[in-house]
Every structure is written in structure tokens, then in C-alpha cells.
């Protein structure tokens, strides 16, 4: 789809690791011609078992630029903690300042936490809602506030998990907040349709982004109908289509792009 997003501007959040979905989405949209503002917050990854990318945030962005084919859109970067209520607007405004406007928000970012019901804390619930839910909703609002009326190609893509298809009892703060994003999708879509903006939510299913150990990789692959995990490129395929002109008639939907993983008995 080279050139299909020429003249469009995208914000992609959660671009802090080369093996991540955010990185793949940002690369795909830039390769399609969009100017892309990527947000990262490597402090979160550094505190997780998988750790931050060894290149650091600046190195990740430089690698992203270096890997793009000739004729791609430009990529800019902003480090921002989406736990800050002012950060979503600052991220969108940075895209406007650099590229002169903004058309697309792909909210890939997520705060992860492994707490079951008996370990969960109020503080972690609040933090997960702040980053995952409030951050995403405020990104969508700021897009509508700053975007020129009548400009084509308005898109918001949110990300949920598989909590609506099967239980995830060891990740209560994460799945509660991801479930809220899935549920708010239709309401955001209805509210933003008059602004010419579609809103959809993607459940990418199990995607190998470097967090699983060998046992988990083998177990999930064995349970998957196609015998493998999803890849960030699989998710980027869907996102690229959703934000292109070909996706203009789809809104308010949760799209399950999991290779049939949710069909398992």
C-alpha cells in the first residue's frame, strides 16, 4: 500500500521496542507515506520483566527511520508519560506542530501489570485506567479538537486484549482497563462520526513481542489453529487497512485479528 497515506499525519503511541506492535505499525504507516509522530515511555518497559529496548528510545526511532524504504513519510518522536493527564494533548499537539495537522491516532500503548484479584491494589487499578483508558480517550478527543473539519481520513484505532473472549485472571488491572476500551469504542465512534472520524478497536490476540518464555511460546502455538503466534506485522496489516481510505466505512467495531485463537475449545 505504498503511497496510500501520502499527505496524512499519524500519531502512534507505544513505540518503545523494536519487537513491539507499535514499532511495526509506525513503520507500516510511514512506509505508506504518512508523516508519523511516535510516542514512547521506556520507563514502563524498564520496570517489566522483558525490559526496555537495548537501543533506548532514541535508538529505536533512529533504527525505525533507517529501515524505511525510500519515499516514506518522516518520523518524529516524543517521549511522554501518558499517566500525566496533559500528555495526550501534548502528543497530538506535537504532531500538529511538526506536520501541520493530524488525521490518525493509533493508541498502541499499554500499561501492563500481573496482579490477580487477591494481589491487586487500588494504586495499580488507578494507574492502569489512567494510562490505558484515560490516555486513549483523551488522545481521541484531542484529535477531534485540532483536526480540520472536512479533511478526509480521520481515524482512531484503539487496542484491547482477549478478555471478552476468555478469562485472564492473573492480569486484573490490565484486562479491566482493556475491557473498558472495547466497551467505549462504539460510543466514541458515534460521537466522532460527525467529525468525519472513524473509531475501531483491535484485539490482536497472542502476539510474540518478546515477553513470553519458551514454554509459553510452545503452549500457545500448539493451541492456535495455524500453529503459530501472531506477529506485529499481522497486526500492522489490519491497522494499515483500517486507517486507509479502504477502511472508511468501518467504525464502532472490535476486530479480532488473532488467527482464530479465540475459536479454540
C-alpha atoms as a PDB file:
ATOM      1  CA  UNK A   1       0.000   0.000   0.000  1.00  0.00           C
ATOM      2  CA  UNK A   2       2.897   2.323  -0.770  1.00  0.00           C
ATOM      3  CA  UNK A   3       1.790   5.930  -1.034  1.00  0.00           C
ATOM      4  CA  UNK A   4      -1.791   5.314   0.101  1.00  0.00           C
ATOM      5  CA  UNK A   5      -1.308   7.549   3.153  1.00  0.00           C
ATOM      6  CA  UNK A   6       0.643  10.290   1.398  1.00  0.00           C
ATOM      7  CA  UNK A   7      -0.373  13.638   2.873  1.00  0.00           C
ATOM      8  CA  UNK A   8      -1.811  12.097   6.055  1.00  0.00           C
ATOM      9  CA  UNK A   9      -0.381  12.504   9.543  1.00  0.00           C
ATOM     10  CA  UNK A  10      -0.495   9.763  12.174  1.00  0.00           C
ATOM     11  CA  UNK A  11       0.218   9.568  15.882  1.00  0.00           C
ATOM     12  CA  UNK A  12       1.278   6.098  17.031  1.00  0.00           C
ATOM     13  CA  UNK A  13       1.723   5.570  20.758  1.00  0.00           C
ATOM     14  CA  UNK A  14       3.671   2.821  22.473  1.00  0.00           C
ATOM     15  CA  UNK A  15       6.656   2.787  20.119  1.00  0.00           C
ATOM     16  CA  UNK A  16       9.453   1.904  22.504  1.00  0.00           C
ATOM     17  CA  UNK A  17      10.618  -1.582  21.488  1.00  0.00           C
ATOM     18  CA  UNK A  18      11.644  -2.873  18.072  1.00  0.00           C
ATOM     19  CA  UNK A  19       9.794  -6.138  18.657  1.00  0.00           C
ATOM     20  CA  UNK A  20       6.571  -4.363  19.569  1.00  0.00           C
ATOM     21  CA  UNK A  21       3.315  -3.781  17.729  1.00  0.00           C
ATOM     22  CA  UNK A  22       3.727  -0.005  17.921  1.00  0.00           C
ATOM     23  CA  UNK A  23       7.025  -0.165  16.065  1.00  0.00           C
ATOM     24  CA  UNK A  24       5.537  -2.315  13.297  1.00  0.00           C
ATOM     25  CA  UNK A  25       2.506  -0.048  12.921  1.00  0.00           C
ATOM     26  CA  UNK A  26       4.594   3.123  12.822  1.00  0.00           C
ATOM     27  CA  UNK A  27       6.905   1.613  10.209  1.00  0.00           C
ATOM     28  CA  UNK A  28       3.971   0.490   8.069  1.00  0.00           C
ATOM     29  CA  UNK A  29       2.197   3.869   8.140  1.00  0.00           C
ATOM     30  CA  UNK A  30       5.377   5.773   7.382  1.00  0.00           C
ATOM     31  CA  UNK A  31       6.160   3.390   4.510  1.00  0.00           C
ATOM     32  CA  UNK A  32       2.675   4.142   3.150  1.00  0.00           C
ATOM     33  CA  UNK A  33       3.646   7.811   3.046  1.00  0.00           C
ATOM     34  CA  UNK A  34       2.238   9.222   6.282  1.00  0.00           C
ATOM     35  CA  UNK A  35       4.128  11.601   8.485  1.00  0.00           C
ATOM     36  CA  UNK A  36       4.285   9.802  11.818  1.00  0.00           C
ATOM     37  CA  UNK A  37       4.756  11.115  15.353  1.00  0.00           C
ATOM     38  CA  UNK A  38       5.688   8.226  17.640  1.00  0.00           C
ATOM     39  CA  UNK A  39       5.308   8.336  21.402  1.00  0.00           C
ATOM     40  CA  UNK A  40       7.285   6.210  23.809  1.00  0.00           C
ATOM     41  CA  UNK A  41       7.803   5.851  27.555  1.00  0.00           C
ATOM     42  CA  UNK A  42      10.653   3.453  28.103  1.00  0.00           C
ATOM     43  CA  UNK A  43      10.459   3.838  31.899  1.00  0.00           C
ATOM     44  CA  UNK A  44       7.475   1.482  31.843  1.00  0.00           C
ATOM     45  CA  UNK A  45       9.285  -1.195  29.844  1.00  0.00           C
ATOM     46  CA  UNK A  46      12.356  -0.941  32.043  1.00  0.00           C
ATOM     47  CA  UNK A  47      10.228  -1.960  35.029  1.00  0.00           C
ATOM     48  CA  UNK A  48       8.779  -5.008  33.247  1.00  0.00           C
ATOM     49  CA  UNK A  49      10.337  -8.491  33.093  1.00  0.00           C
ATOM     50  CA  UNK A  50      11.123  -8.045  29.389  1.00  0.00           C
ATOM     51  CA  UNK A  51      12.947  -4.766  29.980  1.00  0.00           C
ATOM     52  CA  UNK A  52      13.474  -1.719  27.799  1.00  0.00           C
ATOM     53  CA  UNK A  53      14.911  -1.960  24.299  1.00  0.00           C
ATOM     54  CA  UNK A  54      18.735  -2.037  24.487  1.00  0.00           C
ATOM     55  CA  UNK A  55      18.919   0.787  21.940  1.00  0.00           C
ATOM     56  CA  UNK A  56      16.959   3.170  24.141  1.00  0.00           C
ATOM     57  CA  UNK A  57      14.076   5.300  22.876  1.00  0.00           C
ATOM     58  CA  UNK A  58      16.236   7.492  20.653  1.00  0.00           C
ATOM     59  CA  UNK A  59      17.992   4.469  19.181  1.00  0.00           C
ATOM     60  CA  UNK A  60      14.683   2.750  18.431  1.00  0.00           C
ATOM     61  CA  UNK A  61      13.482   5.779  16.483  1.00  0.00           C
ATOM     62  CA  UNK A  62      16.744   6.048  14.579  1.00  0.00           C
ATOM     63  CA  UNK A  63      16.518   2.370  13.634  1.00  0.00           C
ATOM     64  CA  UNK A  64      12.919   2.864  12.516  1.00  0.00           C
ATOM     65  CA  UNK A  65      13.947   5.717  10.238  1.00  0.00           C
ATOM     66  CA  UNK A  66      16.903   3.782   8.857  1.00  0.00           C
ATOM     67  CA  UNK A  67      14.757   0.770   7.932  1.00  0.00           C
ATOM     68  CA  UNK A  68      12.132   2.731   5.993  1.00  0.00           C
ATOM     69  CA  UNK A  69      12.140   2.451   2.194  1.00  0.00           C
ATOM     70  CA  UNK A  70      12.844   5.462   0.018  1.00  0.00           C
ATOM     71  CA  UNK A  71       9.873   7.768  -0.327  1.00  0.00           C
ATOM     72  CA  UNK A  72       8.469   7.041   3.126  1.00  0.00           C
ATOM     73  CA  UNK A  73       6.959   9.693   5.341  1.00  0.00           C
ATOM     74  CA  UNK A  74       9.041  11.374   8.024  1.00  0.00           C
ATOM     75  CA  UNK A  75       9.105  10.082  11.593  1.00  0.00           C
ATOM     76  CA  UNK A  76       9.305  12.278  14.675  1.00  0.00           C
ATOM     77  CA  UNK A  77       9.424  11.230  18.311  1.00  0.00           C
ATOM     78  CA  UNK A  78       8.135  12.435  21.655  1.00  0.00           C
ATOM     79  CA  UNK A  79       8.807  10.798  24.994  1.00  0.00           C
ATOM     80  CA  UNK A  80       5.714  11.259  27.150  1.00  0.00           C
ATOM     81  CA  UNK A  81       4.190   9.549  30.171  1.00  0.00           C
ATOM     82  CA  UNK A  82       0.519   9.018  29.353  1.00  0.00           C
ATOM     83  CA  UNK A  83      -0.207   8.710  33.065  1.00  0.00           C
ATOM     84  CA  UNK A  84       0.015  12.513  33.012  1.00  0.00           C
ATOM     85  CA  UNK A  85      -3.433  13.926  32.139  1.00  0.00           C
ATOM     86  CA  UNK A  86      -1.798  16.609  29.987  1.00  0.00           C
ATOM     87  CA  UNK A  87       0.293  14.151  27.957  1.00  0.00           C
ATOM     88  CA  UNK A  88      -2.298  13.006  25.378  1.00  0.00           C
ATOM     89  CA  UNK A  89      -2.947  16.543  24.178  1.00  0.00           C
ATOM     90  CA  UNK A  90       0.784  17.268  24.185  1.00  0.00           C
ATOM     91  CA  UNK A  91       1.435  14.242  21.952  1.00  0.00           C
ATOM     92  CA  UNK A  92      -1.231  15.225  19.418  1.00  0.00           C
ATOM     93  CA  UNK A  93      -0.144  18.860  19.515  1.00  0.00           C
ATOM     94  CA  UNK A  94       3.436  17.826  18.804  1.00  0.00           C
ATOM     95  CA  UNK A  95       2.251  16.121  15.614  1.00  0.00           C
ATOM     96  CA  UNK A  96       0.368  19.254  14.591  1.00  0.00           C
ATOM     97  CA  UNK A  97       3.396  21.441  15.292  1.00  0.00           C
ATOM     98  CA  UNK A  98       5.696  19.230  13.238  1.00  0.00           C
ATOM     99  CA  UNK A  99       3.447  18.228  10.339  1.00  0.00           C
ATOM    100  CA  UNK A 100       0.794  20.940  10.256  1.00  0.00           C
ATOM    101  CA  UNK A 101      -2.132  18.716  11.187  1.00  0.00           C
ATOM    102  CA  UNK A 102      -3.128  15.256  12.315  1.00  0.00           C
ATOM    103  CA  UNK A 103      -5.507  12.659  10.872  1.00  0.00           C
ATOM    104  CA  UNK A 104      -4.869   9.344  12.584  1.00  0.00           C
ATOM    105  CA  UNK A 105      -4.349   8.186  16.167  1.00  0.00           C
ATOM    106  CA  UNK A 106      -3.303   4.588  16.775  1.00  0.00           C
ATOM    107  CA  UNK A 107      -3.214   4.047  20.532  1.00  0.00           C
ATOM    108  CA  UNK A 108      -0.981   1.003  20.881  1.00  0.00           C
ATOM    109  CA  UNK A 109       0.418   1.978  24.285  1.00  0.00           C
ATOM    110  CA  UNK A 110      -0.485  -0.096  27.338  1.00  0.00           C
ATOM    111  CA  UNK A 111       0.413  -0.323  30.966  1.00  0.00           C
ATOM    112  CA  UNK A 112       0.903  -3.985  31.850  1.00  0.00           C
ATOM    113  CA  UNK A 113       0.625  -5.481  35.311  1.00  0.00           C
ATOM    114  CA  UNK A 114       0.421  -9.033  36.640  1.00  0.00           C
ATOM    115  CA  UNK A 115      -1.930  -8.862  39.621  1.00  0.00           C
ATOM    116  CA  UNK A 116      -4.731 -11.300  40.340  1.00  0.00           C
ATOM    117  CA  UNK A 117      -7.797 -10.414  42.400  1.00  0.00           C
ATOM    118  CA  UNK A 118      -6.056 -11.086  45.707  1.00  0.00           C
ATOM    119  CA  UNK A 119      -2.915  -9.142  44.834  1.00  0.00           C
ATOM    120  CA  UNK A 120      -4.492  -6.215  43.027  1.00  0.00           C
ATOM    121  CA  UNK A 121      -4.040  -2.778  44.545  1.00  0.00           C
ATOM    122  CA  UNK A 122      -6.072   0.378  44.231  1.00  0.00           C
ATOM    123  CA  UNK A 123      -2.964   2.201  43.084  1.00  0.00           C
ATOM    124  CA  UNK A 124      -2.385  -0.214  40.201  1.00  0.00           C
ATOM    125  CA  UNK A 125      -6.022  -0.115  39.146  1.00  0.00           C
ATOM    126  CA  UNK A 126      -5.871   3.680  39.059  1.00  0.00           C
ATOM    127  CA  UNK A 127      -2.588   3.701  37.139  1.00  0.00           C
ATOM    128  CA  UNK A 128      -3.853   1.207  34.554  1.00  0.00           C
ATOM    129  CA  UNK A 129      -7.032   3.181  33.989  1.00  0.00           C
ATOM    130  CA  UNK A 130      -5.076   6.421  33.714  1.00  0.00           C
ATOM    131  CA  UNK A 131      -2.721   5.143  31.027  1.00  0.00           C
ATOM    132  CA  UNK A 132      -4.831   2.644  29.141  1.00  0.00           C
ATOM    133  CA  UNK A 133      -8.290   4.225  29.264  1.00  0.00           C
ATOM    134  CA  UNK A 134      -7.966   7.914  30.078  1.00  0.00           C
ATOM    135  CA  UNK A 135      -4.900   8.289  27.898  1.00  0.00           C
ATOM    136  CA  UNK A 136      -6.605   6.702  24.886  1.00  0.00           C
ATOM    137  CA  UNK A 137      -9.869   8.625  25.277  1.00  0.00           C
ATOM    138  CA  UNK A 138      -8.058  11.944  25.636  1.00  0.00           C
ATOM    139  CA  UNK A 139      -5.968  11.210  22.543  1.00  0.00           C
ATOM    140  CA  UNK A 140      -9.195  10.711  20.584  1.00  0.00           C
ATOM    141  CA  UNK A 141     -10.697  13.904  21.954  1.00  0.00           C
ATOM    142  CA  UNK A 142      -7.653  15.988  21.118  1.00  0.00           C
ATOM    143  CA  UNK A 143      -7.638  14.634  17.583  1.00  0.00           C
ATOM    144  CA  UNK A 144     -11.222  15.833  17.133  1.00  0.00           C
ATOM    145  CA  UNK A 145     -10.427  19.200  18.716  1.00  0.00           C
ATOM    146  CA  UNK A 146      -7.496  20.080  16.478  1.00  0.00           C
ATOM    147  CA  UNK A 147      -8.434  18.381  13.238  1.00  0.00           C
ATOM    148  CA  UNK A 148      -9.750  20.478  10.393  1.00  0.00           C
ATOM    149  CA  UNK A 149     -13.422  19.764   9.651  1.00  0.00           C
ATOM    150  CA  UNK A 150     -13.998  18.165   6.281  1.00  0.00           C
ATOM    151  CA  UNK A 151     -10.448  16.844   5.968  1.00  0.00           C
ATOM    152  CA  UNK A 152     -10.636  13.207   4.824  1.00  0.00           C
ATOM    153  CA  UNK A 153      -9.133  10.219   6.567  1.00  0.00           C
ATOM    154  CA  UNK A 154      -9.930  10.759  10.237  1.00  0.00           C
ATOM    155  CA  UNK A 155      -9.147   7.555  12.141  1.00  0.00           C
ATOM    156  CA  UNK A 156      -8.797   6.342  15.720  1.00  0.00           C
ATOM    157  CA  UNK A 157      -7.633   2.788  16.401  1.00  0.00           C
ATOM    158  CA  UNK A 158      -7.751   1.530  19.973  1.00  0.00           C
ATOM    159  CA  UNK A 159      -6.330  -1.730  21.299  1.00  0.00           C
ATOM    160  CA  UNK A 160      -7.990  -4.238  23.569  1.00  0.00           C
ATOM    161  CA  UNK A 161      -6.996  -7.746  24.628  1.00  0.00           C
ATOM    162  CA  UNK A 162      -8.858 -11.050  24.644  1.00  0.00           C
ATOM    163  CA  UNK A 163     -10.642 -10.507  27.956  1.00  0.00           C
ATOM    164  CA  UNK A 164     -14.064 -10.527  26.260  1.00  0.00           C
ATOM    165  CA  UNK A 165     -13.344 -13.938  24.720  1.00  0.00           C
ATOM    166  CA  UNK A 166     -11.718 -15.780  27.602  1.00  0.00           C
ATOM    167  CA  UNK A 167     -10.647 -15.178  31.215  1.00  0.00           C
ATOM    168  CA  UNK A 168      -7.292 -13.624  32.121  1.00  0.00           C
ATOM    169  CA  UNK A 169      -7.425 -13.832  35.936  1.00  0.00           C
ATOM    170  CA  UNK A 170      -3.762 -13.059  36.559  1.00  0.00           C
ATOM    171  CA  UNK A 171      -3.917  -9.606  34.925  1.00  0.00           C
ATOM    172  CA  UNK A 172      -6.860  -7.863  36.578  1.00  0.00           C
ATOM    173  CA  UNK A 173      -5.786  -4.185  36.207  1.00  0.00           C
ATOM    174  CA  UNK A 174      -4.755  -4.740  32.604  1.00  0.00           C
ATOM    175  CA  UNK A 175      -7.853  -6.621  31.470  1.00  0.00           C
ATOM    176  CA  UNK A 176     -10.299  -4.346  33.322  1.00  0.00           C
ATOM    177  CA  UNK A 177      -8.843  -1.314  31.576  1.00  0.00           C
ATOM    178  CA  UNK A 178      -8.608  -3.054  28.202  1.00  0.00           C
ATOM    179  CA  UNK A 179     -12.212  -4.177  28.576  1.00  0.00           C
ATOM    180  CA  UNK A 180     -13.235  -0.571  29.151  1.00  0.00           C
ATOM    181  CA  UNK A 181     -11.589   0.433  25.871  1.00  0.00           C
ATOM    182  CA  UNK A 182     -13.508  -2.225  24.000  1.00  0.00           C
ATOM    183  CA  UNK A 183     -16.778  -1.074  25.552  1.00  0.00           C
ATOM    184  CA  UNK A 184     -16.238   2.626  24.865  1.00  0.00           C
ATOM    185  CA  UNK A 185     -15.409   2.071  21.181  1.00  0.00           C
ATOM    186  CA  UNK A 186     -18.994   2.247  19.890  1.00  0.00           C
ATOM    187  CA  UNK A 187     -19.775   5.373  21.897  1.00  0.00           C
ATOM    188  CA  UNK A 188     -16.636   7.145  20.697  1.00  0.00           C
ATOM    189  CA  UNK A 189     -17.437   6.115  17.133  1.00  0.00           C
ATOM    190  CA  UNK A 190     -20.933   7.607  17.380  1.00  0.00           C
ATOM    191  CA  UNK A 191     -19.596  10.793  18.930  1.00  0.00           C
ATOM    192  CA  UNK A 192     -16.829  11.294  16.374  1.00  0.00           C
ATOM    193  CA  UNK A 193     -18.714  10.329  13.213  1.00  0.00           C
ATOM    194  CA  UNK A 194     -19.977  13.921  12.780  1.00  0.00           C
ATOM    195  CA  UNK A 195     -16.313  14.968  12.833  1.00  0.00           C
ATOM    196  CA  UNK A 196     -15.547  12.573   9.970  1.00  0.00           C
ATOM    197  CA  UNK A 197     -13.524  10.276  12.236  1.00  0.00           C
ATOM    198  CA  UNK A 198     -13.929   6.508  12.470  1.00  0.00           C
ATOM    199  CA  UNK A 199     -13.146   4.669  15.694  1.00  0.00           C
ATOM    200  CA  UNK A 200     -12.346   0.965  15.858  1.00  0.00           C
ATOM    201  CA  UNK A 201     -10.732  -1.375  18.350  1.00  0.00           C
ATOM    202  CA  UNK A 202      -8.303  -4.189  17.563  1.00  0.00           C
ATOM    203  CA  UNK A 203      -7.770  -7.359  19.570  1.00  0.00           C
ATOM    204  CA  UNK A 204      -4.509  -8.740  18.145  1.00  0.00           C
ATOM    205  CA  UNK A 205      -4.607 -11.968  20.138  1.00  0.00           C
ATOM    206  CA  UNK A 206      -1.316 -13.515  21.305  1.00  0.00           C
ATOM    207  CA  UNK A 207       1.489 -11.615  19.582  1.00  0.00           C
ATOM    208  CA  UNK A 208       5.122 -12.513  20.162  1.00  0.00           C
ATOM    209  CA  UNK A 209       6.672  -9.246  21.321  1.00  0.00           C
ATOM    210  CA  UNK A 210       9.411 -10.776  23.420  1.00  0.00           C
ATOM    211  CA  UNK A 211       7.579 -11.236  26.700  1.00  0.00           C
ATOM    212  CA  UNK A 212       6.888 -14.983  26.567  1.00  0.00           C
ATOM    213  CA  UNK A 213       9.269 -17.750  27.595  1.00  0.00           C
ATOM    214  CA  UNK A 214       9.866 -20.891  25.527  1.00  0.00           C
ATOM    215  CA  UNK A 215       7.225 -22.907  27.375  1.00  0.00           C
ATOM    216  CA  UNK A 216       4.554 -20.280  26.765  1.00  0.00           C
ATOM    217  CA  UNK A 217       5.540 -19.944  23.117  1.00  0.00           C
ATOM    218  CA  UNK A 218       5.152 -23.675  22.584  1.00  0.00           C
ATOM    219  CA  UNK A 219       1.876 -23.905  24.517  1.00  0.00           C
ATOM    220  CA  UNK A 220       0.192 -21.019  22.689  1.00  0.00           C
ATOM    221  CA  UNK A 221       1.437 -22.161  19.284  1.00  0.00           C
ATOM    222  CA  UNK A 222       0.031 -25.634  19.940  1.00  0.00           C
ATOM    223  CA  UNK A 223      -3.370 -24.141  20.801  1.00  0.00           C
ATOM    224  CA  UNK A 224      -3.508 -21.837  17.770  1.00  0.00           C
ATOM    225  CA  UNK A 225      -5.332 -23.106  14.656  1.00  0.00           C
ATOM    226  CA  UNK A 226      -2.456 -22.070  12.377  1.00  0.00           C
ATOM    227  CA  UNK A 227       0.178 -23.396  14.756  1.00  0.00           C
ATOM    228  CA  UNK A 228       1.893 -20.099  15.466  1.00  0.00           C
ATOM    229  CA  UNK A 229       1.736 -16.868  17.415  1.00  0.00           C
ATOM    230  CA  UNK A 230       0.710 -13.638  15.774  1.00  0.00           C
ATOM    231  CA  UNK A 231       3.414 -11.225  14.720  1.00  0.00           C
ATOM    232  CA  UNK A 232       3.471  -7.432  14.948  1.00  0.00           C
ATOM    233  CA  UNK A 233       3.310  -7.407  11.138  1.00  0.00           C
ATOM    234  CA  UNK A 234      -0.003  -9.286  11.260  1.00  0.00           C
ATOM    235  CA  UNK A 235      -1.481  -6.506  13.375  1.00  0.00           C
ATOM    236  CA  UNK A 236       0.088  -3.792  11.237  1.00  0.00           C
ATOM    237  CA  UNK A 237      -1.637  -5.298   8.190  1.00  0.00           C
ATOM    238  CA  UNK A 238      -5.044  -4.698   9.744  1.00  0.00           C
ATOM    239  CA  UNK A 239      -4.237  -1.254  11.127  1.00  0.00           C
ATOM    240  CA  UNK A 240      -2.873  -0.067   7.791  1.00  0.00           C
ATOM    241  CA  UNK A 241      -6.119  -1.093   6.110  1.00  0.00           C
ATOM    242  CA  UNK A 242      -8.320   0.473   8.787  1.00  0.00           C
ATOM    243  CA  UNK A 243      -6.617   3.880   8.543  1.00  0.00           C
ATOM    244  CA  UNK A 244      -6.529   3.881   4.736  1.00  0.00           C
ATOM    245  CA  UNK A 245      -9.365   5.091   2.530  1.00  0.00           C
ATOM    246  CA  UNK A 246     -10.377   1.438   2.083  1.00  0.00           C
ATOM    247  CA  UNK A 247     -11.398   1.363   5.768  1.00  0.00           C
ATOM    248  CA  UNK A 248     -13.594   4.443   5.709  1.00  0.00           C
ATOM    249  CA  UNK A 249     -16.901   2.543   6.051  1.00  0.00           C
ATOM    250  CA  UNK A 250     -15.935   0.563   9.154  1.00  0.00           C
ATOM    251  CA  UNK A 251     -16.494   2.192  12.541  1.00  0.00           C
ATOM    252  CA  UNK A 252     -17.503   1.254  16.066  1.00  0.00           C
ATOM    253  CA  UNK A 253     -16.172  -2.285  15.704  1.00  0.00           C
ATOM    254  CA  UNK A 254     -13.918  -4.564  17.722  1.00  0.00           C
ATOM    255  CA  UNK A 255     -11.901  -6.536  15.192  1.00  0.00           C
ATOM    256  CA  UNK A 256     -10.402  -9.806  16.391  1.00  0.00           C
ATOM    257  CA  UNK A 257      -7.201 -10.422  14.431  1.00  0.00           C
ATOM    258  CA  UNK A 258      -5.906 -13.487  16.250  1.00  0.00           C
ATOM    259  CA  UNK A 259      -5.552 -16.180  13.591  1.00  0.00           C
ATOM    260  CA  UNK A 260      -8.537 -17.993  15.054  1.00  0.00           C
ATOM    261  CA  UNK A 261      -7.013 -18.308  18.535  1.00  0.00           C
ATOM    262  CA  UNK A 262     -10.342 -17.335  20.115  1.00  0.00           C
ATOM    263  CA  UNK A 263     -12.045 -20.242  18.303  1.00  0.00           C
ATOM    264  CA  UNK A 264     -10.242 -22.871  20.337  1.00  0.00           C
ATOM    265  CA  UNK A 265     -12.455 -25.045  22.504  1.00  0.00           C
END
